[in-house]
Amino acid sequence: MKLRIIGIHDSYCSGVAIYENGNISFAVNEERFSRKKNDARFPLESLKAAPAGQYDYVALPTKESDI
């Protein structure tokens, strides 16, 4: 079974990464599209650039105080 996880970070240096079977197969920061250094907006353009498909998990960062 192929494990696919997409990670979305929407804070300082926002971006998207895809992890497949033990390897990072895709990673990009939003600043590559917005041309704004350390862009902290939601990484919409990064998500559009990510390979389409089904993912087993979506990983989002949380602050310890949010748990």
PDB file of N, CA and C in Angstrom:
ATOM      1  N   MET A   1       0.831  -1.185   0.000  1.00  0.00           N
ATOM      2  CA  MET A   1       0.000   0.000   0.000  1.00  0.00           C
ATOM      3  C   MET A   1       0.871   1.242   0.000  1.00  0.00           C
ATOM      4  N   LYS A   2       0.524   2.183  -0.822  1.00  0.00           N
ATOM      5  CA  LYS A   2       1.292   3.416  -0.938  1.00  0.00           C
ATOM      6  C   LYS A   2       0.734   4.459   0.033  1.00  0.00           C
ATOM      7  N   LEU A   3       1.554   4.907   0.976  1.00  0.00           N
ATOM      8  CA  LEU A   3       1.161   5.905   1.954  1.00  0.00           C
ATOM      9  C   LEU A   3       1.467   7.292   1.410  1.00  0.00           C
ATOM     10  N   ARG A   4       0.454   8.164   1.355  1.00  0.00           N
ATOM     11  CA  ARG A   4       0.630   9.535   0.869  1.00  0.00           C
ATOM     12  C   ARG A   4       0.111  10.509   1.919  1.00  0.00           C
ATOM     13  N   ILE A   5       0.978  11.432   2.319  1.00  0.00           N
ATOM     14  CA  ILE A   5       0.621  12.449   3.300  1.00  0.00           C
ATOM     15  C   ILE A   5       0.926  13.806   2.699  1.00  0.00           C
ATOM     16  N   ILE A   6      -0.012  14.744   2.813  1.00  0.00           N
ATOM     17  CA  ILE A   6       0.246  16.112   2.384  1.00  0.00           C
ATOM     18  C   ILE A   6       0.308  16.980   3.634  1.00  0.00           C
ATOM     19  N   GLY A   7       1.356  17.767   3.735  1.00  0.00           N
ATOM     20  CA  GLY A   7       1.541  18.663   4.859  1.00  0.00           C
ATOM     21  C   GLY A   7       1.338  20.094   4.405  1.00  0.00           C
ATOM     22  N   ILE A   8       0.540  20.836   5.149  1.00  0.00           N
ATOM     23  CA  ILE A   8       0.242  22.223   4.819  1.00  0.00           C
ATOM     24  C   ILE A   8       0.638  23.093   5.999  1.00  0.00           C
ATOM     25  N   HIS A   9       1.500  24.055   5.740  1.00  0.00           N
ATOM     26  CA  HIS A   9       1.944  24.979   6.788  1.00  0.00           C
ATOM     27  C   HIS A   9       1.502  26.370   6.380  1.00  0.00           C
ATOM     28  N   ASP A  10       0.689  27.030   7.218  1.00  0.00           N
ATOM     29  CA  ASP A  10       0.150  28.337   6.847  1.00  0.00           C
ATOM     30  C   ASP A  10       0.534  29.445   7.819  1.00  0.00           C
ATOM     31  N   SER A  11       1.767  29.456   8.198  1.00  0.00           N
ATOM     32  CA  SER A  11       2.278  30.501   9.068  1.00  0.00           C
ATOM     33  C   SER A  11       3.552  31.031   8.431  1.00  0.00           C
ATOM     34  N   TYR A  12       4.494  31.450   9.232  1.00  0.00           N
ATOM     35  CA  TYR A  12       5.763  31.961   8.735  1.00  0.00           C
ATOM     36  C   TYR A  12       6.359  30.968   7.731  1.00  0.00           C
ATOM     37  N   CYS A  13       6.700  31.433   6.539  1.00  0.00           N
ATOM     38  CA  CYS A  13       7.230  30.579   5.459  1.00  0.00           C
ATOM     39  C   CYS A  13       6.246  29.466   5.090  1.00  0.00           C
ATOM     40  N   SER A  14       5.011  29.840   4.785  1.00  0.00           N
ATOM     41  CA  SER A  14       3.983  28.847   4.475  1.00  0.00           C
ATOM     42  C   SER A  14       4.332  28.043   3.233  1.00  0.00           C
ATOM     43  N   GLY A  15       3.809  26.830   3.177  1.00  0.00           N
ATOM     44  CA  GLY A  15       4.091  25.974   2.035  1.00  0.00           C
ATOM     45  C   GLY A  15       3.415  24.627   2.151  1.00  0.00           C
ATOM     46  N   VAL A  16       3.741  23.765   1.200  1.00  0.00           N
ATOM     47  CA  VAL A  16       3.142  22.440   1.105  1.00  0.00           C
ATOM     48  C   VAL A  16       4.241  21.417   0.839  1.00  0.00           C
ATOM     49  N   ALA A  17       4.098  20.248   1.447  1.00  0.00           N
ATOM     50  CA  ALA A  17       5.023  19.143   1.183  1.00  0.00           C
ATOM     51  C   ALA A  17       4.222  17.853   1.066  1.00  0.00           C
ATOM     52  N   ILE A  18       4.710  16.942   0.234  1.00  0.00           N
ATOM     53  CA  ILE A  18       4.075  15.639   0.067  1.00  0.00           C
ATOM     54  C   ILE A  18       5.093  14.559   0.405  1.00  0.00           C
ATOM     55  N   TYR A  19       4.660  13.662   1.252  1.00  0.00           N
ATOM     56  CA  TYR A  19       5.475  12.550   1.725  1.00  0.00           C
ATOM     57  C   TYR A  19       4.869  11.270   1.170  1.00  0.00           C
ATOM     58  N   GLU A  20       5.662  10.489   0.448  1.00  0.00           N
ATOM     59  CA  GLU A  20       5.188   9.237  -0.130  1.00  0.00           C
ATOM     60  C   GLU A  20       6.157   8.103   0.185  1.00  0.00           C
ATOM     61  N   ASN A  21       5.676   7.110   0.900  1.00  0.00           N
ATOM     62  CA  ASN A  21       6.465   5.907   1.210  1.00  0.00           C
ATOM     63  C   ASN A  21       7.878   6.196   1.704  1.00  0.00           C
ATOM     64  N   GLY A  22       7.995   7.097   2.659  1.00  0.00           N
ATOM     65  CA  GLY A  22       9.294   7.361   3.261  1.00  0.00           C
ATOM     66  C   GLY A  22      10.128   8.431   2.592  1.00  0.00           C
ATOM     67  N   ASN A  23       9.610   9.051   1.543  1.00  0.00           N
ATOM     68  CA  ASN A  23      10.363  10.087   0.834  1.00  0.00           C
ATOM     69  C   ASN A  23       9.512  11.339   0.629  1.00  0.00           C
ATOM     70  N   ILE A  24      10.170  12.486   0.651  1.00  0.00           N
ATOM     71  CA  ILE A  24       9.490  13.726   0.298  1.00  0.00           C
ATOM     72  C   ILE A  24       9.522  13.828  -1.218  1.00  0.00           C
ATOM     73  N   SER A  25       8.340  13.774  -1.836  1.00  0.00           N
ATOM     74  CA  SER A  25       8.272  13.782  -3.294  1.00  0.00           C
ATOM     75  C   SER A  25       7.992  15.165  -3.866  1.00  0.00           C
ATOM     76  N   PHE A  26       7.542  16.093  -3.011  1.00  0.00           N
ATOM     77  CA  PHE A  26       7.218  17.433  -3.477  1.00  0.00           C
ATOM     78  C   PHE A  26       7.269  18.376  -2.286  1.00  0.00           C
ATOM     79  N   ALA A  27       7.833  19.546  -2.476  1.00  0.00           N
ATOM     80  CA  ALA A  27       7.837  20.571  -1.439  1.00  0.00           C
ATOM     81  C   ALA A  27       8.033  21.933  -2.097  1.00  0.00           C
ATOM     82  N   VAL A  28       7.232  22.900  -1.663  1.00  0.00           N
ATOM     83  CA  VAL A  28       7.355  24.253  -2.204  1.00  0.00           C
ATOM     84  C   VAL A  28       6.826  25.244  -1.171  1.00  0.00           C
ATOM     85  N   ASN A  29       7.465  26.396  -1.092  1.00  0.00           N
ATOM     86  CA  ASN A  29       7.007  27.472  -0.224  1.00  0.00           C
ATOM     87  C   ASN A  29       6.207  28.473  -1.036  1.00  0.00           C
ATOM     88  N   GLU A  30       5.250  29.088  -0.398  1.00  0.00           N
ATOM     89  CA  GLU A  30       4.362  30.042  -1.060  1.00  0.00           C
ATOM     90  C   GLU A  30       5.122  31.234  -1.633  1.00  0.00           C
ATOM     91  N   GLU A  31       6.227  31.591  -1.026  1.00  0.00           N
ATOM     92  CA  GLU A  31       7.004  32.745  -1.506  1.00  0.00           C
ATOM     93  C   GLU A  31       7.517  32.563  -2.934  1.00  0.00           C
ATOM     94  N   ARG A  32       7.596  31.327  -3.399  1.00  0.00           N
ATOM     95  CA  ARG A  32       8.012  31.078  -4.793  1.00  0.00           C
ATOM     96  C   ARG A  32       6.992  31.619  -5.774  1.00  0.00           C
ATOM     97  N   PHE A  33       5.735  31.684  -5.355  1.00  0.00           N
ATOM     98  CA  PHE A  33       4.661  32.168  -6.223  1.00  0.00           C
ATOM     99  C   PHE A  33       4.315  33.630  -5.961  1.00  0.00           C
ATOM    100  N   SER A  34       4.327  34.025  -4.688  1.00  0.00           N
ATOM    101  CA  SER A  34       3.924  35.387  -4.329  1.00  0.00           C
ATOM    102  C   SER A  34       5.058  36.393  -4.456  1.00  0.00           C
ATOM    103  N   ARG A  35       6.281  35.902  -4.458  1.00  0.00           N
ATOM    104  CA  ARG A  35       7.479  36.754  -4.488  1.00  0.00           C
ATOM    105  C   ARG A  35       7.591  37.645  -3.247  1.00  0.00           C
ATOM    106  N   LYS A  36       6.978  37.194  -2.141  1.00  0.00           N
ATOM    107  CA  LYS A  36       7.070  37.888  -0.857  1.00  0.00           C
ATOM    108  C   LYS A  36       7.850  36.998   0.100  1.00  0.00           C
ATOM    109  N   LYS A  37       9.021  37.453   0.486  1.00  0.00           N
ATOM    110  CA  LYS A  37       9.889  36.671   1.367  1.00  0.00           C
ATOM    111  C   LYS A  37       9.165  36.305   2.660  1.00  0.00           C
ATOM    112  N   ASN A  38       9.273  35.039   3.055  1.00  0.00           N
ATOM    113  CA  ASN A  38       8.674  34.512   4.289  1.00  0.00           C
ATOM    114  C   ASN A  38       7.160  34.721   4.325  1.00  0.00           C
ATOM    115  N   ASP A  39       6.507  34.556   3.206  1.00  0.00           N
ATOM    116  CA  ASP A  39       5.066  34.753   3.090  1.00  0.00           C
ATOM    117  C   ASP A  39       4.333  33.874   4.099  1.00  0.00           C
ATOM    118  N   ALA A  40       3.445  34.476   4.886  1.00  0.00           N
ATOM    119  CA  ALA A  40       2.740  33.756   5.948  1.00  0.00           C
ATOM    120  C   ALA A  40       1.270  33.521   5.616  1.00  0.00           C
ATOM    121  N   ARG A  41       0.851  33.828   4.400  1.00  0.00           N
ATOM    122  CA  ARG A  41      -0.546  33.598   4.026  1.00  0.00           C
ATOM    123  C   ARG A  41      -0.796  32.115   3.782  1.00  0.00           C
ATOM    124  N   PHE A  42      -2.091  31.750   3.693  1.00  0.00           N
ATOM    125  CA  PHE A  42      -2.426  30.359   3.395  1.00  0.00           C
ATOM    126  C   PHE A  42      -1.819  29.990   2.046  1.00  0.00           C
ATOM    127  N   PRO A  43      -1.159  28.825   1.922  1.00  0.00           N
ATOM    128  CA  PRO A  43      -0.414  28.481   0.707  1.00  0.00           C
ATOM    129  C   PRO A  43      -1.295  27.956  -0.448  1.00  0.00           C
ATOM    130  N   LEU A  44      -2.220  28.776  -0.895  1.00  0.00           N
ATOM    131  CA  LEU A  44      -3.145  28.365  -1.943  1.00  0.00           C
ATOM    132  C   LEU A  44      -2.426  28.031  -3.255  1.00  0.00           C
ATOM    133  N   GLU A  45      -1.495  28.866  -3.678  1.00  0.00           N
ATOM    134  CA  GLU A  45      -0.773  28.611  -4.931  1.00  0.00           C
ATOM    135  C   GLU A  45       0.112  27.364  -4.816  1.00  0.00           C
ATOM    136  N   SER A  46       0.663  27.135  -3.638  1.00  0.00           N
ATOM    137  CA  SER A  46       1.462  25.925  -3.413  1.00  0.00           C
ATOM    138  C   SER A  46       0.586  24.677  -3.537  1.00  0.00           C
ATOM    139  N   LEU A  47      -0.630  24.751  -3.004  1.00  0.00           N
ATOM    140  CA  LEU A  47      -1.562  23.620  -3.118  1.00  0.00           C
ATOM    141  C   LEU A  47      -1.955  23.373  -4.572  1.00  0.00           C
ATOM    142  N   LYS A  48      -2.154  24.445  -5.327  1.00  0.00           N
ATOM    143  CA  LYS A  48      -2.490  24.292  -6.742  1.00  0.00           C
ATOM    144  C   LYS A  48      -1.356  23.625  -7.512  1.00  0.00           C
ATOM    145  N   ALA A  49      -0.110  23.873  -7.103  1.00  0.00           N
ATOM    146  CA  ALA A  49       1.057  23.311  -7.786  1.00  0.00           C
ATOM    147  C   ALA A  49       1.325  21.855  -7.392  1.00  0.00           C
ATOM    148  N   ALA A  50       0.781  21.438  -6.265  1.00  0.00           N
ATOM    149  CA  ALA A  50       1.005  20.069  -5.784  1.00  0.00           C
ATOM    150  C   ALA A  50       0.314  19.061  -6.696  1.00  0.00           C
ATOM    151  N   PRO A  51       0.909  17.875  -6.849  1.00  0.00           N
ATOM    152  CA  PRO A  51       0.279  16.835  -7.666  1.00  0.00           C
ATOM    153  C   PRO A  51      -1.108  16.471  -7.130  1.00  0.00           C
ATOM    154  N   ALA A  52      -2.065  16.381  -8.025  1.00  0.00           N
ATOM    155  CA  ALA A  52      -3.424  16.010  -7.631  1.00  0.00           C
ATOM    156  C   ALA A  52      -3.479  14.533  -7.266  1.00  0.00           C
ATOM    157  N   GLY A  53      -4.454  14.169  -6.497  1.00  0.00           N
ATOM    158  CA  GLY A  53      -4.630  12.775  -6.135  1.00  0.00           C
ATOM    159  C   GLY A  53      -5.208  12.640  -4.752  1.00  0.00           C
ATOM    160  N   GLN A  54      -5.334  11.416  -4.317  1.00  0.00           N
ATOM    161  CA  GLN A  54      -5.853  11.146  -2.990  1.00  0.00           C
ATOM    162  C   GLN A  54      -4.698  11.022  -2.004  1.00  0.00           C
ATOM    163  N   TYR A  55      -4.930  11.516  -0.799  1.00  0.00           N
ATOM    164  CA  TYR A  55      -3.937  11.449   0.256  1.00  0.00           C
ATOM    165  C   TYR A  55      -4.523  10.695   1.437  1.00  0.00           C
ATOM    166  N   ASP A  56      -3.692   9.929   2.101  1.00  0.00           N
ATOM    167  CA  ASP A  56      -4.149   9.160   3.253  1.00  0.00           C
ATOM    168  C   ASP A  56      -4.330  10.044   4.482  1.00  0.00           C
ATOM    169  N   TYR A  57      -3.479  11.062   4.597  1.00  0.00           N
ATOM    170  CA  TYR A  57      -3.519  11.968   5.742  1.00  0.00           C
ATOM    171  C   TYR A  57      -3.205  13.379   5.293  1.00  0.00           C
ATOM    172  N   VAL A  58      -3.741  14.345   6.044  1.00  0.00           N
ATOM    173  CA  VAL A  58      -3.391  15.753   5.881  1.00  0.00           C
ATOM    174  C   VAL A  58      -2.762  16.183   7.197  1.00  0.00           C
ATOM    175  N   ALA A  59      -1.559  16.725   7.123  1.00  0.00           N
ATOM    176  CA  ALA A  59      -0.848  17.154   8.326  1.00  0.00           C
ATOM    177  C   ALA A  59      -0.860  18.675   8.404  1.00  0.00           C
ATOM    178  N   LEU A  60      -1.320  19.190   9.545  1.00  0.00           N
ATOM    179  CA  LEU A  60      -1.361  20.627   9.797  1.00  0.00           C
ATOM    180  C   LEU A  60      -0.661  20.911  11.118  1.00  0.00           C
ATOM    181  N   PRO A  61       0.129  21.964  11.180  1.00  0.00           N
ATOM    182  CA  PRO A  61       0.825  22.270  12.438  1.00  0.00           C
ATOM    183  C   PRO A  61      -0.144  22.863  13.462  1.00  0.00           C
ATOM    184  N   THR A  62       0.126  22.597  14.716  1.00  0.00           N
ATOM    185  CA  THR A  62      -0.642  23.209  15.805  1.00  0.00           C
ATOM    186  C   THR A  62       0.324  23.719  16.853  1.00  0.00           C
ATOM    187  N   LYS A  63      -0.143  24.655  17.620  1.00  0.00           N
ATOM    188  CA  LYS A  63       0.631  25.117  18.763  1.00  0.00           C
ATOM    189  C   LYS A  63       0.295  24.199  19.926  1.00  0.00           C
ATOM    190  N   GLU A  64       1.249  23.964  20.783  1.00  0.00           N
ATOM    191  CA  GLU A  64       1.024  23.080  21.913  1.00  0.00           C
ATOM    192  C   GLU A  64      -0.135  23.586  22.752  1.00  0.00           C
ATOM    193  N   SER A  65      -0.309  24.899  22.846  1.00  0.00           N
ATOM    194  CA  SER A  65      -1.389  25.468  23.649  1.00  0.00           C
ATOM    195  C   SER A  65      -2.753  25.227  23.027  1.00  0.00           C
ATOM    196  N   ASP A  66      -2.806  24.845  21.722  1.00  0.00           N
ATOM    197  CA  ASP A  66      -4.074  24.578  21.048  1.00  0.00           C
ATOM    198  C   ASP A  66      -4.598  23.178  21.328  1.00  0.00           C
ATOM    199  N   ILE A  67      -3.773  22.322  21.887  1.00  0.00           N
ATOM    200  CA  ILE A  67      -4.154  20.918  22.083  1.00  0.00           C
ATOM    201  C   ILE A  67      -4.975  20.761  23.341  1.00  0.00           C
TER     202      ILE A  67
END
